[in-house]
Amino acid sequence: MTLPWHQNAFTKLKQMIEQNHLPHALLITGMPQMGKFELMQQLVGTLINNDKIIRKDNVRQDLDIPVLIRRSNYINMVYCRAGEINPTTKNRSKDIRVDQIRSFCEALGKTADKLQIGVIFYADQMNINAANSLLKTLEEPRKNTLIILLTHNVKNLPITIVSRCQSIHISPAYDQATQTWINKHIEHNEDFDIAHLLETTHGVPFKVLDELSGDRFIHYQKWQNQLLNIAIHPMAINQTEDFNGNEAEVLSCLQCLVIEGIRLKILKYEGGLVELNNIINTIKIDLLFKLLDDLLYAINLLKTNINIKLLLDNVLIVWSHITHLKTYPQILEKYK
């Protein structure tokens, strides 16, 4: 069954199949948790006329042994992914290595009577040597072979790779069909505004389900309410004990609020959060963009040895004055 937000993408893929115009390399793009893997499975199931055998492939789980590529239950299909144990260092690789791509291409280079399929996920995690190695295969495609690249951020792929693939994009979804699907897949759906949940996750349905798992959504809502209160009542900045130990998540939560505020400001539309509507009505949009830039920079700083609590405190000082600012302060200049 096609996921509602996959409808346009899968229709294009079906047209390629029906018109016999399926390329030798497909690039399926979209934000994390948009279901790129599931769309690939549906495509492959259609091509080999056996959806069940592909659904049995359990290749997203980590293995405890070093491997370069993984085999599908469909005999002529292989997968290549990041996170495999490097046999040299015994550590898990964060990227896709050149030895993996060489093994992947070699597996697809063998003669086969039936369609051969290779899937790389996620292709934007290939290091430069791996990408160069794949390029050679893309430049000289074999007959009866399909390579599918799943990619979160196409900008992280070399243009030489992108130009040799037919791209299919899964767009963020806010439509009623997607809301209905989410409604069927969550418990106590009467407690939630599904449209608002999609807004806060930027139209990523699987992320909505993830946010609602366990007690994550309860914490997220609490942080969100506190952040909104700080912007309305600046003195509330002195009551942020709940943020301790959760600084990264709070920064991410604030980032979502600012992005949503910018979106509502541009569309001249009121969202589901009354407090956010009131806040953005008094703010110039250029201040929101500047704060968003600082938030992106702050989130990147989390990968360093930065004092995360002090970093969040600096950001919150600006956020607490956001409705009264005339000029934007250079809060992160000392970190640059």
C-alpha atoms as a PDB file:
ATOM      1  CA  MET A   1       0.000   0.000   0.000  1.00  0.00           C
ATOM      2  CA  THR A   2       1.354   3.404  -0.997  1.00  0.00           C
ATOM      3  CA  LEU A   3       1.915   5.844   1.866  1.00  0.00           C
ATOM      4  CA  PRO A   4      -0.195   8.980   1.220  1.00  0.00           C
ATOM      5  CA  TRP A   5       2.775  11.326   0.974  1.00  0.00           C
ATOM      6  CA  HIS A   6       4.511   8.913  -1.445  1.00  0.00           C
ATOM      7  CA  GLN A   7       1.683   9.058  -3.967  1.00  0.00           C
ATOM      8  CA  ASN A   8       3.242  11.595  -6.356  1.00  0.00           C
ATOM      9  CA  ALA A   9       6.698  10.012  -6.226  1.00  0.00           C
ATOM     10  CA  PHE A  10       5.401   6.474  -6.759  1.00  0.00           C
ATOM     11  CA  THR A  11       3.157   7.592  -9.628  1.00  0.00           C
ATOM     12  CA  LYS A  12       6.250   8.933 -11.415  1.00  0.00           C
ATOM     13  CA  LEU A  13       8.082   5.663 -10.804  1.00  0.00           C
ATOM     14  CA  LYS A  14       5.160   3.620 -12.124  1.00  0.00           C
ATOM     15  CA  GLN A  15       5.046   5.757 -15.257  1.00  0.00           C
ATOM     16  CA  MET A  16       8.750   5.076 -15.839  1.00  0.00           C
ATOM     17  CA  ILE A  17       8.115   1.335 -15.524  1.00  0.00           C
ATOM     18  CA  GLU A  18       5.027   1.337 -17.760  1.00  0.00           C
ATOM     19  CA  GLN A  19       6.764   3.407 -20.448  1.00  0.00           C
ATOM     20  CA  ASN A  20       9.937   1.314 -20.177  1.00  0.00           C
ATOM     21  CA  HIS A  21      11.913   4.438 -19.265  1.00  0.00           C
ATOM     22  CA  LEU A  22      13.355   3.291 -15.953  1.00  0.00           C
ATOM     23  CA  PRO A  23      16.928   4.641 -15.780  1.00  0.00           C
ATOM     24  CA  HIS A  24      20.020   2.683 -14.783  1.00  0.00           C
ATOM     25  CA  ALA A  25      20.377   4.842 -11.636  1.00  0.00           C
ATOM     26  CA  LEU A  26      17.700   6.377  -9.420  1.00  0.00           C
ATOM     27  CA  LEU A  27      18.273   9.011  -6.749  1.00  0.00           C
ATOM     28  CA  ILE A  28      15.484   9.076  -4.136  1.00  0.00           C
ATOM     29  CA  THR A  29      15.744  12.198  -1.987  1.00  0.00           C
ATOM     30  CA  GLY A  30      13.888  13.644   0.986  1.00  0.00           C
ATOM     31  CA  MET A  31      14.376  14.634   4.598  1.00  0.00           C
ATOM     32  CA  PRO A  32      15.198  11.942   7.162  1.00  0.00           C
ATOM     33  CA  GLN A  33      12.163   9.866   8.180  1.00  0.00           C
ATOM     34  CA  MET A  34      10.215  10.634   4.984  1.00  0.00           C
ATOM     35  CA  GLY A  35      10.175   6.915   4.152  1.00  0.00           C
ATOM     36  CA  LYS A  36      12.731   6.755   1.348  1.00  0.00           C
ATOM     37  CA  PHE A  37      13.557   3.164   2.273  1.00  0.00           C
ATOM     38  CA  GLU A  38       9.883   2.191   2.195  1.00  0.00           C
ATOM     39  CA  LEU A  39       9.418   3.818  -1.233  1.00  0.00           C
ATOM     40  CA  MET A  40      12.427   1.886  -2.522  1.00  0.00           C
ATOM     41  CA  GLN A  41      10.929  -1.352  -1.196  1.00  0.00           C
ATOM     42  CA  GLN A  42       7.639  -0.665  -2.947  1.00  0.00           C
ATOM     43  CA  LEU A  43       9.444   0.080  -6.213  1.00  0.00           C
ATOM     44  CA  VAL A  44      11.548  -3.083  -6.049  1.00  0.00           C
ATOM     45  CA  GLY A  45       8.525  -5.175  -5.077  1.00  0.00           C
ATOM     46  CA  THR A  46       6.738  -3.860  -8.156  1.00  0.00           C
ATOM     47  CA  LEU A  47       9.710  -4.536 -10.436  1.00  0.00           C
ATOM     48  CA  ILE A  48      10.173  -8.165  -9.358  1.00  0.00           C
ATOM     49  CA  ASN A  49       6.476  -8.723  -8.740  1.00  0.00           C
ATOM     50  CA  ASN A  50       7.157  -9.914  -5.195  1.00  0.00           C
ATOM     51  CA  ASP A  51       6.628  -7.343  -2.477  1.00  0.00           C
ATOM     52  CA  LYS A  52       6.759  -9.823   0.399  1.00  0.00           C
ATOM     53  CA  ILE A  53      10.299 -11.065  -0.272  1.00  0.00           C
ATOM     54  CA  ILE A  54      11.687  -7.503  -0.151  1.00  0.00           C
ATOM     55  CA  ARG A  55       9.822  -6.683   3.052  1.00  0.00           C
ATOM     56  CA  LYS A  56      11.693  -9.577   4.694  1.00  0.00           C
ATOM     57  CA  ASP A  57      15.044  -7.822   4.181  1.00  0.00           C
ATOM     58  CA  ASN A  58      16.202  -6.689   7.610  1.00  0.00           C
ATOM     59  CA  VAL A  59      19.218  -4.690   6.491  1.00  0.00           C
ATOM     60  CA  ARG A  60      18.737  -1.556   8.585  1.00  0.00           C
ATOM     61  CA  GLN A  61      19.750  -3.271  11.817  1.00  0.00           C
ATOM     62  CA  ASP A  62      23.407  -3.240  12.896  1.00  0.00           C
ATOM     63  CA  LEU A  63      25.383  -6.461  12.705  1.00  0.00           C
ATOM     64  CA  ASP A  64      27.991  -7.529  15.250  1.00  0.00           C
ATOM     65  CA  ILE A  65      30.366  -8.777  12.542  1.00  0.00           C
ATOM     66  CA  PRO A  66      32.286  -6.863   9.849  1.00  0.00           C
ATOM     67  CA  VAL A  67      30.619  -6.908   6.415  1.00  0.00           C
ATOM     68  CA  LEU A  68      31.050  -4.822   3.294  1.00  0.00           C
ATOM     69  CA  ILE A  69      27.646  -5.301   1.683  1.00  0.00           C
ATOM     70  CA  ARG A  70      24.475  -7.200   2.515  1.00  0.00           C
ATOM     71  CA  ARG A  71      22.417  -9.599   0.442  1.00  0.00           C
ATOM     72  CA  SER A  72      18.674  -9.406  -0.112  1.00  0.00           C
ATOM     73  CA  ASN A  73      16.221 -12.260   0.028  1.00  0.00           C
ATOM     74  CA  TYR A  74      15.879 -11.514  -3.683  1.00  0.00           C
ATOM     75  CA  ILE A  75      18.910 -13.308  -5.073  1.00  0.00           C
ATOM     76  CA  ASN A  76      19.984 -10.542  -7.475  1.00  0.00           C
ATOM     77  CA  MET A  77      19.904  -7.665  -5.009  1.00  0.00           C
ATOM     78  CA  VAL A  78      22.551  -6.158  -2.694  1.00  0.00           C
ATOM     79  CA  TYR A  79      22.631  -3.321  -0.181  1.00  0.00           C
ATOM     80  CA  CYS A  80      25.427  -0.980   0.869  1.00  0.00           C
ATOM     81  CA  ARG A  81      25.079   1.169   3.990  1.00  0.00           C
ATOM     82  CA  ALA A  82      26.969   3.240   6.509  1.00  0.00           C
ATOM     83  CA  GLY A  83      27.450   1.974  10.053  1.00  0.00           C
ATOM     84  CA  GLU A  84      29.096  -1.319   9.199  1.00  0.00           C
ATOM     85  CA  ILE A  85      31.986  -2.478  11.380  1.00  0.00           C
ATOM     86  CA  ASN A  86      35.336  -1.653   9.826  1.00  0.00           C
ATOM     87  CA  PRO A  87      37.389  -4.893   9.829  1.00  0.00           C
ATOM     88  CA  THR A  88      40.595  -2.845  10.235  1.00  0.00           C
ATOM     89  CA  THR A  89      39.650  -0.677  13.214  1.00  0.00           C
ATOM     90  CA  LYS A  90      36.800  -2.835  14.595  1.00  0.00           C
ATOM     91  CA  ASN A  91      34.796   0.390  14.968  1.00  0.00           C
ATOM     92  CA  ARG A  92      31.556   1.255  13.222  1.00  0.00           C
ATOM     93  CA  SER A  93      32.123   3.513  10.246  1.00  0.00           C
ATOM     94  CA  LYS A  94      30.053   6.687  10.152  1.00  0.00           C
ATOM     95  CA  ASP A  95      30.515   6.871   6.405  1.00  0.00           C
ATOM     96  CA  ILE A  96      30.369   4.471   3.463  1.00  0.00           C
ATOM     97  CA  ARG A  97      33.914   3.416   2.626  1.00  0.00           C
ATOM     98  CA  VAL A  98      35.551   2.816  -0.720  1.00  0.00           C
ATOM     99  CA  ASP A  99      36.023  -0.910  -0.020  1.00  0.00           C
ATOM    100  CA  GLN A 100      32.273  -1.218   0.474  1.00  0.00           C
ATOM    101  CA  ILE A 101      31.501   0.487  -2.843  1.00  0.00           C
ATOM    102  CA  ARG A 102      34.043  -1.671  -4.658  1.00  0.00           C
ATOM    103  CA  SER A 103      32.396  -4.801  -3.295  1.00  0.00           C
ATOM    104  CA  PHE A 104      28.965  -3.387  -4.164  1.00  0.00           C
ATOM    105  CA  CYS A 105      29.939  -2.653  -7.768  1.00  0.00           C
ATOM    106  CA  GLU A 106      31.654  -6.024  -8.118  1.00  0.00           C
ATOM    107  CA  ALA A 107      28.488  -7.819  -6.997  1.00  0.00           C
ATOM    108  CA  LEU A 108      26.480  -5.935  -9.628  1.00  0.00           C
ATOM    109  CA  GLY A 109      29.098  -6.615 -12.286  1.00  0.00           C
ATOM    110  CA  LYS A 110      28.305 -10.296 -12.513  1.00  0.00           C
ATOM    111  CA  THR A 111      26.152 -11.633 -15.325  1.00  0.00           C
ATOM    112  CA  ALA A 112      22.520 -12.329 -14.419  1.00  0.00           C
ATOM    113  CA  ASP A 113      19.478 -13.268 -16.449  1.00  0.00           C
ATOM    114  CA  LYS A 114      17.086 -11.341 -14.225  1.00  0.00           C
ATOM    115  CA  LEU A 115      17.134  -7.727 -13.116  1.00  0.00           C
ATOM    116  CA  GLN A 116      20.021  -6.858 -10.785  1.00  0.00           C
ATOM    117  CA  ILE A 117      19.369  -4.224  -8.134  1.00  0.00           C
ATOM    118  CA  GLY A 118      21.781  -2.394  -5.848  1.00  0.00           C
ATOM    119  CA  VAL A 119      20.673  -0.031  -3.066  1.00  0.00           C
ATOM    120  CA  ILE A 120      22.942   2.445  -1.281  1.00  0.00           C
ATOM    121  CA  PHE A 121      21.618   4.057   1.898  1.00  0.00           C
ATOM    122  CA  TYR A 122      22.398   6.689   2.556  1.00  0.00           C
ATOM    123  CA  ALA A 123      24.447   7.793  -0.419  1.00  0.00           C
ATOM    124  CA  ASP A 124      25.268  11.222   1.012  1.00  0.00           C
ATOM    125  CA  GLN A 125      27.319   9.363   3.653  1.00  0.00           C
ATOM    126  CA  MET A 126      29.838   8.120   1.080  1.00  0.00           C
ATOM    127  CA  ASN A 127      33.335   9.502   1.577  1.00  0.00           C
ATOM    128  CA  ILE A 128      34.989  11.083  -1.462  1.00  0.00           C
ATOM    129  CA  ASN A 129      36.907   7.959  -2.435  1.00  0.00           C
ATOM    130  CA  ALA A 130      33.745   5.864  -2.277  1.00  0.00           C
ATOM    131  CA  ALA A 131      31.851   8.383  -4.425  1.00  0.00           C
ATOM    132  CA  ASN A 132      34.621   8.378  -7.025  1.00  0.00           C
ATOM    133  CA  SER A 133      34.572   4.584  -7.102  1.00  0.00           C
ATOM    134  CA  LEU A 134      30.802   4.518  -7.661  1.00  0.00           C
ATOM    135  CA  LEU A 135      31.110   7.115 -10.413  1.00  0.00           C
ATOM    136  CA  LYS A 136      33.002   4.673 -12.619  1.00  0.00           C
ATOM    137  CA  THR A 137      30.079   2.236 -12.474  1.00  0.00           C
ATOM    138  CA  LEU A 138      27.502   4.967 -13.105  1.00  0.00           C
ATOM    139  CA  GLU A 139      29.453   6.137 -16.163  1.00  0.00           C
ATOM    140  CA  GLU A 140      29.396   2.650 -17.683  1.00  0.00           C
ATOM    141  CA  PRO A 141      26.018   1.201 -16.647  1.00  0.00           C
ATOM    142  CA  ARG A 142      25.446  -2.512 -17.166  1.00  0.00           C
ATOM    143  CA  LYS A 143      22.395  -3.758 -18.992  1.00  0.00           C
ATOM    144  CA  ASN A 144      19.567  -5.089 -16.833  1.00  0.00           C
ATOM    145  CA  THR A 145      20.954  -3.375 -13.704  1.00  0.00           C
ATOM    146  CA  LEU A 146      19.344  -0.733 -11.488  1.00  0.00           C
ATOM    147  CA  ILE A 147      21.234   1.226  -8.831  1.00  0.00           C
ATOM    148  CA  ILE A 148      19.093   3.092  -6.272  1.00  0.00           C
ATOM    149  CA  LEU A 149      20.660   5.805  -4.115  1.00  0.00           C
ATOM    150  CA  LEU A 150      18.703   6.966  -1.061  1.00  0.00           C
ATOM    151  CA  THR A 151      19.829  10.406   0.078  1.00  0.00           C
ATOM    152  CA  HIS A 152      18.916  12.747   2.928  1.00  0.00           C
ATOM    153  CA  ASN A 153      20.821  15.772   1.621  1.00  0.00           C
ATOM    154  CA  VAL A 154      21.588  15.819  -2.081  1.00  0.00           C
ATOM    155  CA  LYS A 155      23.957  18.773  -1.549  1.00  0.00           C
ATOM    156  CA  ASN A 156      26.373  16.367   0.139  1.00  0.00           C
ATOM    157  CA  LEU A 157      26.678  14.316  -3.048  1.00  0.00           C
ATOM    158  CA  PRO A 158      29.141  15.235  -5.807  1.00  0.00           C
ATOM    159  CA  ILE A 159      27.387  16.830  -8.762  1.00  0.00           C
ATOM    160  CA  THR A 160      28.971  14.176 -10.972  1.00  0.00           C
ATOM    161  CA  ILE A 161      26.968  11.508  -9.119  1.00  0.00           C
ATOM    162  CA  VAL A 162      23.710  13.498  -9.128  1.00  0.00           C
ATOM    163  CA  SER A 163      23.925  14.262 -12.857  1.00  0.00           C
ATOM    164  CA  ARG A 164      24.056  10.560 -13.713  1.00  0.00           C
ATOM    165  CA  CYS A 165      20.880   9.681 -11.821  1.00  0.00           C
ATOM    166  CA  GLN A 166      17.185  10.275 -12.362  1.00  0.00           C
ATOM    167  CA  SER A 167      15.922  12.068  -9.247  1.00  0.00           C
ATOM    168  CA  ILE A 168      12.693  11.344  -7.392  1.00  0.00           C
ATOM    169  CA  HIS A 169      11.927  13.617  -4.438  1.00  0.00           C
ATOM    170  CA  ILE A 170       9.586  12.942  -1.505  1.00  0.00           C
ATOM    171  CA  SER A 171       8.225  16.306  -0.415  1.00  0.00           C
ATOM    172  CA  PRO A 172       7.139  17.240   3.123  1.00  0.00           C
ATOM    173  CA  ALA A 173       3.460  16.468   3.652  1.00  0.00           C
ATOM    174  CA  TYR A 174       0.756  18.449   5.416  1.00  0.00           C
ATOM    175  CA  ASP A 175      -2.309  17.201   3.501  1.00  0.00           C
ATOM    176  CA  GLN A 176      -5.448  15.654   4.928  1.00  0.00           C
ATOM    177  CA  ALA A 177      -4.625  12.133   3.680  1.00  0.00           C
ATOM    178  CA  THR A 178      -1.336  12.196   5.580  1.00  0.00           C
ATOM    179  CA  GLN A 179      -3.063  13.515   8.700  1.00  0.00           C
ATOM    180  CA  THR A 180      -5.588  10.665   8.472  1.00  0.00           C
ATOM    181  CA  TRP A 181      -2.763   8.122   8.166  1.00  0.00           C
ATOM    182  CA  ILE A 182      -1.017   9.519  11.265  1.00  0.00           C
ATOM    183  CA  ASN A 183      -4.314   9.558  13.142  1.00  0.00           C
ATOM    184  CA  LYS A 184      -4.656   5.813  12.552  1.00  0.00           C
ATOM    185  CA  HIS A 185      -1.140   5.083  13.784  1.00  0.00           C
ATOM    186  CA  ILE A 186      -1.093   6.869  17.152  1.00  0.00           C
ATOM    187  CA  GLU A 187      -2.789   6.104  20.437  1.00  0.00           C
ATOM    188  CA  HIS A 188      -5.038   8.646  22.137  1.00  0.00           C
ATOM    189  CA  ASN A 189      -5.240  10.616  18.880  1.00  0.00           C
ATOM    190  CA  GLU A 190      -8.008  12.722  20.393  1.00  0.00           C
ATOM    191  CA  ASP A 191      -5.346  14.420  22.556  1.00  0.00           C
ATOM    192  CA  PHE A 192      -3.367  15.762  19.602  1.00  0.00           C
ATOM    193  CA  ASP A 193      -3.706  18.339  16.848  1.00  0.00           C
ATOM    194  CA  ILE A 194      -2.296  16.303  13.952  1.00  0.00           C
ATOM    195  CA  ALA A 195      -1.973  19.333  11.671  1.00  0.00           C
ATOM    196  CA  HIS A 196       0.086  21.111  14.317  1.00  0.00           C
ATOM    197  CA  LEU A 197       2.265  18.037  14.859  1.00  0.00           C
ATOM    198  CA  LEU A 198       3.081  18.011  11.151  1.00  0.00           C
ATOM    199  CA  GLU A 199       3.884  21.716  11.305  1.00  0.00           C
ATOM    200  CA  THR A 200       6.327  21.254  14.179  1.00  0.00           C
ATOM    201  CA  THR A 201       8.072  18.344  12.415  1.00  0.00           C
ATOM    202  CA  HIS A 202       8.159  20.219   9.075  1.00  0.00           C
ATOM    203  CA  GLY A 203       5.890  17.763   7.315  1.00  0.00           C
ATOM    204  CA  VAL A 204       7.726  14.554   8.239  1.00  0.00           C
ATOM    205  CA  PRO A 205       5.082  11.934   9.173  1.00  0.00           C
ATOM    206  CA  PHE A 206       7.412   9.264  10.587  1.00  0.00           C
ATOM    207  CA  LYS A 207       9.019  11.925  12.766  1.00  0.00           C
ATOM    208  CA  VAL A 208       5.586  12.663  14.228  1.00  0.00           C
ATOM    209  CA  LEU A 209       5.267   9.012  15.261  1.00  0.00           C
ATOM    210  CA  ASP A 210       8.798   9.064  16.651  1.00  0.00           C
ATOM    211  CA  GLU A 211       8.148  12.209  18.685  1.00  0.00           C
ATOM    212  CA  LEU A 212       5.048  10.613  20.180  1.00  0.00           C
ATOM    213  CA  SER A 213       6.828   7.436  21.218  1.00  0.00           C
ATOM    214  CA  GLY A 214       7.402   6.953  24.941  1.00  0.00           C
ATOM    215  CA  ASP A 215       7.477  10.215  26.896  1.00  0.00           C
ATOM    216  CA  ARG A 216       9.452  12.222  24.317  1.00  0.00           C
ATOM    217  CA  PHE A 217       6.497  14.287  23.186  1.00  0.00           C
ATOM    218  CA  ILE A 218       5.552  15.154  26.767  1.00  0.00           C
ATOM    219  CA  HIS A 219       9.046  16.555  27.366  1.00  0.00           C
ATOM    220  CA  TYR A 220       9.038  18.339  24.008  1.00  0.00           C
ATOM    221  CA  GLN A 221       5.726  20.024  24.745  1.00  0.00           C
ATOM    222  CA  LYS A 222       6.981  21.117  28.156  1.00  0.00           C
ATOM    223  CA  TRP A 223      10.141  22.684  26.700  1.00  0.00           C
ATOM    224  CA  GLN A 224       8.119  24.298  23.936  1.00  0.00           C
ATOM    225  CA  ASN A 225       5.702  25.864  26.416  1.00  0.00           C
ATOM    226  CA  GLN A 226       8.588  27.146  28.549  1.00  0.00           C
ATOM    227  CA  LEU A 227      10.309  28.698  25.528  1.00  0.00           C
ATOM    228  CA  LEU A 228       7.133  30.452  24.461  1.00  0.00           C
ATOM    229  CA  ASN A 229       6.651  31.721  28.015  1.00  0.00           C
ATOM    230  CA  ILE A 230      10.204  33.109  28.078  1.00  0.00           C
ATOM    231  CA  ALA A 231       9.546  35.157  24.934  1.00  0.00           C
ATOM    232  CA  ILE A 232       6.325  36.531  26.436  1.00  0.00           C
ATOM    233  CA  HIS A 233       7.592  36.922  30.018  1.00  0.00           C
ATOM    234  CA  PRO A 234      11.388  37.535  29.898  1.00  0.00           C
ATOM    235  CA  MET A 235      11.847  37.017  33.649  1.00  0.00           C
ATOM    236  CA  ALA A 236      10.872  33.357  33.138  1.00  0.00           C
ATOM    237  CA  ILE A 237      14.427  32.876  31.864  1.00  0.00           C
ATOM    238  CA  ASN A 238      15.390  32.429  35.507  1.00  0.00           C
ATOM    239  CA  GLN A 239      13.210  29.332  35.780  1.00  0.00           C
ATOM    240  CA  THR A 240      14.810  26.923  33.320  1.00  0.00           C
ATOM    241  CA  GLU A 241      15.894  24.077  35.591  1.00  0.00           C
ATOM    242  CA  ASP A 242      14.144  21.590  33.296  1.00  0.00           C
ATOM    243  CA  PHE A 243      16.582  22.517  30.527  1.00  0.00           C
ATOM    244  CA  ASN A 244      19.583  21.207  32.504  1.00  0.00           C
ATOM    245  CA  GLY A 245      20.999  18.149  30.786  1.00  0.00           C
ATOM    246  CA  ASN A 246      18.669  18.653  27.816  1.00  0.00           C
ATOM    247  CA  GLU A 247      20.364  21.645  26.211  1.00  0.00           C
ATOM    248  CA  ALA A 248      20.709  20.052  22.758  1.00  0.00           C
ATOM    249  CA  GLU A 249      17.032  19.075  22.670  1.00  0.00           C
ATOM    250  CA  VAL A 250      15.957  22.547  23.847  1.00  0.00           C
ATOM    251  CA  LEU A 251      18.019  24.223  21.114  1.00  0.00           C
ATOM    252  CA  SER A 252      16.390  21.928  18.579  1.00  0.00           C
ATOM    253  CA  CYS A 253      12.956  22.738  19.993  1.00  0.00           C
ATOM    254  CA  LEU A 254      13.646  26.477  19.743  1.00  0.00           C
ATOM    255  CA  GLN A 255      14.896  25.987  16.197  1.00  0.00           C
ATOM    256  CA  CYS A 256      11.554  24.361  15.290  1.00  0.00           C
ATOM    257  CA  LEU A 257       9.644  27.268  16.846  1.00  0.00           C
ATOM    258  CA  VAL A 258      11.677  29.853  14.919  1.00  0.00           C
ATOM    259  CA  ILE A 259      11.307  27.973  11.624  1.00  0.00           C
ATOM    260  CA  GLU A 260       7.574  27.695  12.196  1.00  0.00           C
ATOM    261  CA  GLY A 261       7.438  31.396  13.060  1.00  0.00           C
ATOM    262  CA  ILE A 262       9.213  32.317   9.827  1.00  0.00           C
ATOM    263  CA  ARG A 263       6.877  30.102   7.825  1.00  0.00           C
ATOM    264  CA  LEU A 264       3.772  31.650   9.384  1.00  0.00           C
ATOM    265  CA  LYS A 265       5.186  35.146   8.942  1.00  0.00           C
ATOM    266  CA  ILE A 266       5.856  34.595   5.229  1.00  0.00           C
ATOM    267  CA  LEU A 267       2.472  32.962   4.606  1.00  0.00           C
ATOM    268  CA  LYS A 268       0.692  35.562   6.752  1.00  0.00           C
ATOM    269  CA  TYR A 269      -1.053  32.666   8.430  1.00  0.00           C
ATOM    270  CA  GLU A 270      -1.937  31.796  12.024  1.00  0.00           C
ATOM    271  CA  GLY A 271      -0.726  28.434  13.321  1.00  0.00           C
ATOM    272  CA  GLY A 272      -1.978  26.193  16.097  1.00  0.00           C
ATOM    273  CA  LEU A 273       0.116  27.837  18.838  1.00  0.00           C
ATOM    274  CA  VAL A 274      -1.624  30.997  20.025  1.00  0.00           C
ATOM    275  CA  GLU A 275       1.463  32.145  21.950  1.00  0.00           C
ATOM    276  CA  LEU A 276       3.679  31.812  18.877  1.00  0.00           C
ATOM    277  CA  ASN A 277       1.158  33.763  16.798  1.00  0.00           C
ATOM    278  CA  ASN A 278       1.275  36.589  19.344  1.00  0.00           C
ATOM    279  CA  ILE A 279       5.075  36.557  19.441  1.00  0.00           C
ATOM    280  CA  ILE A 280       5.673  36.707  15.698  1.00  0.00           C
ATOM    281  CA  ASN A 281       3.125  39.497  15.248  1.00  0.00           C
ATOM    282  CA  THR A 282       5.532  41.845  17.039  1.00  0.00           C
ATOM    283  CA  ILE A 283       8.795  40.652  15.446  1.00  0.00           C
ATOM    284  CA  LYS A 284      10.492  41.709  12.243  1.00  0.00           C
ATOM    285  CA  ILE A 285      11.151  38.678  10.083  1.00  0.00           C
ATOM    286  CA  ASP A 286      14.812  39.585   9.564  1.00  0.00           C
ATOM    287  CA  LEU A 287      15.371  39.144  13.333  1.00  0.00           C
ATOM    288  CA  LEU A 288      13.909  35.633  13.128  1.00  0.00           C
ATOM    289  CA  PHE A 289      16.230  34.770  10.247  1.00  0.00           C
ATOM    290  CA  LYS A 290      19.235  36.047  12.198  1.00  0.00           C
ATOM    291  CA  LEU A 291      18.217  34.036  15.251  1.00  0.00           C
ATOM    292  CA  LEU A 292      17.773  30.961  13.048  1.00  0.00           C
ATOM    293  CA  ASP A 293      21.306  31.429  11.693  1.00  0.00           C
ATOM    294  CA  ASP A 294      22.647  31.587  15.244  1.00  0.00           C
ATOM    295  CA  LEU A 295      20.665  28.512  16.238  1.00  0.00           C
ATOM    296  CA  LEU A 296      22.073  26.526  13.313  1.00  0.00           C
ATOM    297  CA  TYR A 297      25.556  27.646  14.279  1.00  0.00           C
ATOM    298  CA  ALA A 298      24.944  26.809  17.956  1.00  0.00           C
ATOM    299  CA  ILE A 299      23.690  23.326  17.076  1.00  0.00           C
ATOM    300  CA  ASN A 300      26.834  22.724  15.016  1.00  0.00           C
ATOM    301  CA  LEU A 301      28.926  23.866  17.997  1.00  0.00           C
ATOM    302  CA  LEU A 302      27.445  20.996  20.012  1.00  0.00           C
ATOM    303  CA  LYS A 303      29.854  18.694  18.168  1.00  0.00           C
ATOM    304  CA  THR A 304      32.774  20.509  19.831  1.00  0.00           C
ATOM    305  CA  ASN A 305      33.841  20.795  23.471  1.00  0.00           C
ATOM    306  CA  ILE A 306      31.758  23.932  23.940  1.00  0.00           C
ATOM    307  CA  ASN A 307      30.148  24.725  27.294  1.00  0.00           C
ATOM    308  CA  ILE A 308      26.660  23.736  26.170  1.00  0.00           C
ATOM    309  CA  LYS A 309      24.862  25.287  29.168  1.00  0.00           C
ATOM    310  CA  LEU A 310      26.519  28.683  28.634  1.00  0.00           C
ATOM    311  CA  LEU A 311      25.783  28.445  24.915  1.00  0.00           C
ATOM    312  CA  LEU A 312      22.073  27.850  25.560  1.00  0.00           C
ATOM    313  CA  ASP A 313      21.986  30.663  28.140  1.00  0.00           C
ATOM    314  CA  ASN A 314      23.346  33.116  25.536  1.00  0.00           C
ATOM    315  CA  VAL A 315      20.743  32.051  22.983  1.00  0.00           C
ATOM    316  CA  LEU A 316      17.922  32.276  25.527  1.00  0.00           C
ATOM    317  CA  ILE A 317      18.904  35.834  26.478  1.00  0.00           C
ATOM    318  CA  VAL A 318      18.236  36.902  22.896  1.00  0.00           C
ATOM    319  CA  TRP A 319      15.041  34.848  22.694  1.00  0.00           C
ATOM    320  CA  SER A 320      13.741  36.424  25.915  1.00  0.00           C
ATOM    321  CA  HIS A 321      14.092  39.898  24.327  1.00  0.00           C
ATOM    322  CA  ILE A 322      13.058  38.939  20.799  1.00  0.00           C
ATOM    323  CA  THR A 323       9.784  40.896  20.862  1.00  0.00           C
ATOM    324  CA  HIS A 324      11.555  44.115  21.950  1.00  0.00           C
ATOM    325  CA  LEU A 325      14.736  44.016  19.854  1.00  0.00           C
ATOM    326  CA  LYS A 326      15.409  46.845  17.410  1.00  0.00           C
ATOM    327  CA  THR A 327      18.816  45.570  16.346  1.00  0.00           C
ATOM    328  CA  TYR A 328      20.090  42.013  16.589  1.00  0.00           C
ATOM    329  CA  PRO A 329      22.935  41.386  19.087  1.00  0.00           C
ATOM    330  CA  GLN A 330      26.007  39.410  18.024  1.00  0.00           C
ATOM    331  CA  ILE A 331      25.556  36.711  20.625  1.00  0.00           C
ATOM    332  CA  LEU A 332      27.803  34.053  19.076  1.00  0.00           C
ATOM    333  CA  GLU A 333      30.609  36.268  17.800  1.00  0.00           C
ATOM    334  CA  LYS A 334      32.932  35.151  20.590  1.00  0.00           C
ATOM    335  CA  TYR A 335      32.524  31.538  19.440  1.00  0.00           C
ATOM    336  CA  LYS A 336      33.452  32.298  15.833  1.00  0.00           C
END
